[in-house]
Amino acid sequence: MRPRRHARIAIDFFGADLTGVRLQADDHDWSYGTGSTVTGSAQHLLLVLAGRTLPPGLLAGEQSGRFTAGV
């Protein structure tokens, strides 16, 4: 399977809402989606794909707050 196909399977299975968001890994050559860019390590972006909420500071970008826990 291709990496983009893996991401699509994860999104379909976990139901992550990535409407209007482009995920861009800052430690690998990988991105997914279209829209406002949210950056972070590949491992953190995979958690986003799985619908997990991350601690603040692990993601960057205008829409990153959608995927992090408020303090």
Protein backbone atom coordinates (compact mmCIF):
# COMPACT_ATOMS: atom_id res chain seq x y z
CA MET A 1 0.00 0.00 0.00
CA ARG A 2 1.03 3.56 -0.60
CA PRO A 3 1.48 5.96 2.37
CA ARG A 4 -1.46 8.14 1.29
CA ARG A 5 -3.66 5.06 1.19
CA HIS A 6 -2.60 4.23 4.76
CA ALA A 7 -3.57 7.71 5.85
CA ARG A 8 -6.97 7.41 4.17
CA ILE A 9 -7.60 4.10 5.93
CA ALA A 10 -6.70 5.64 9.30
CA ILE A 11 -8.97 8.63 8.69
CA ASP A 12 -11.86 6.41 7.62
CA PHE A 13 -11.40 4.06 10.58
CA PHE A 14 -10.90 6.66 13.31
CA GLY A 15 -13.01 9.41 11.78
CA ALA A 16 -10.54 12.28 12.20
CA ASP A 17 -12.03 15.52 10.85
CA LEU A 18 -9.37 17.04 8.61
CA THR A 19 -11.69 19.37 6.73
CA GLY A 20 -9.67 22.34 5.45
CA VAL A 21 -6.39 21.09 6.93
CA ARG A 22 -3.13 19.95 5.35
CA LEU A 23 -0.88 17.93 7.65
CA GLN A 24 2.84 18.42 6.95
CA ALA A 25 5.54 16.42 8.75
CA ASP A 26 8.56 18.49 9.70
CA ASP A 27 10.81 15.46 10.13
CA HIS A 28 9.86 13.43 7.02
CA ASP A 29 8.86 14.13 3.43
CA TRP A 30 5.14 13.57 4.03
CA SER A 31 1.98 15.64 3.82
CA TYR A 32 -1.72 14.90 3.57
CA GLY A 33 -4.80 16.94 2.77
CA THR A 34 -5.45 20.45 1.55
CA GLY A 35 -6.08 23.70 3.33
CA SER A 36 -4.41 25.44 6.25
CA THR A 37 -1.09 23.73 7.07
CA VAL A 38 -0.57 22.09 10.45
CA THR A 39 3.01 20.92 11.04
CA GLY A 40 4.55 18.54 13.52
CA SER A 41 6.56 15.35 13.74
CA ALA A 42 5.27 12.42 11.72
CA GLN A 43 4.48 10.48 14.90
CA HIS A 44 2.36 13.33 16.25
CA LEU A 45 0.53 13.75 12.95
CA LEU A 46 -0.26 10.02 12.94
CA LEU A 47 -1.90 10.50 16.33
CA VAL A 48 -3.95 13.33 14.80
CA LEU A 49 -5.01 10.96 12.01
CA ALA A 50 -6.09 8.50 14.69
CA GLY A 51 -8.32 11.15 16.26
CA ARG A 52 -6.14 11.69 19.35
CA THR A 53 -5.87 15.04 21.12
CA LEU A 54 -2.27 16.12 21.70
CA PRO A 55 -0.71 18.27 24.41
CA PRO A 56 -0.15 21.93 23.47
CA GLY A 57 3.13 22.79 21.76
CA LEU A 58 3.53 19.65 19.65
CA LEU A 59 1.88 21.08 16.52
CA ALA A 60 2.17 24.40 14.75
CA GLY A 61 -0.11 26.27 12.39
CA GLU A 62 -3.28 28.32 12.44
CA GLN A 63 -5.53 25.25 12.81
CA SER A 64 -3.30 23.29 15.23
CA GLY A 65 -5.58 24.14 18.17
CA ARG A 66 -8.22 21.83 16.68
CA PHE A 67 -6.00 18.89 17.56
CA THR A 68 -4.53 19.93 20.92
CA ALA A 69 -5.92 20.05 24.44
CA GLY A 70 -6.55 23.50 25.84
CA VAL A 71 -4.73 24.50 28.98
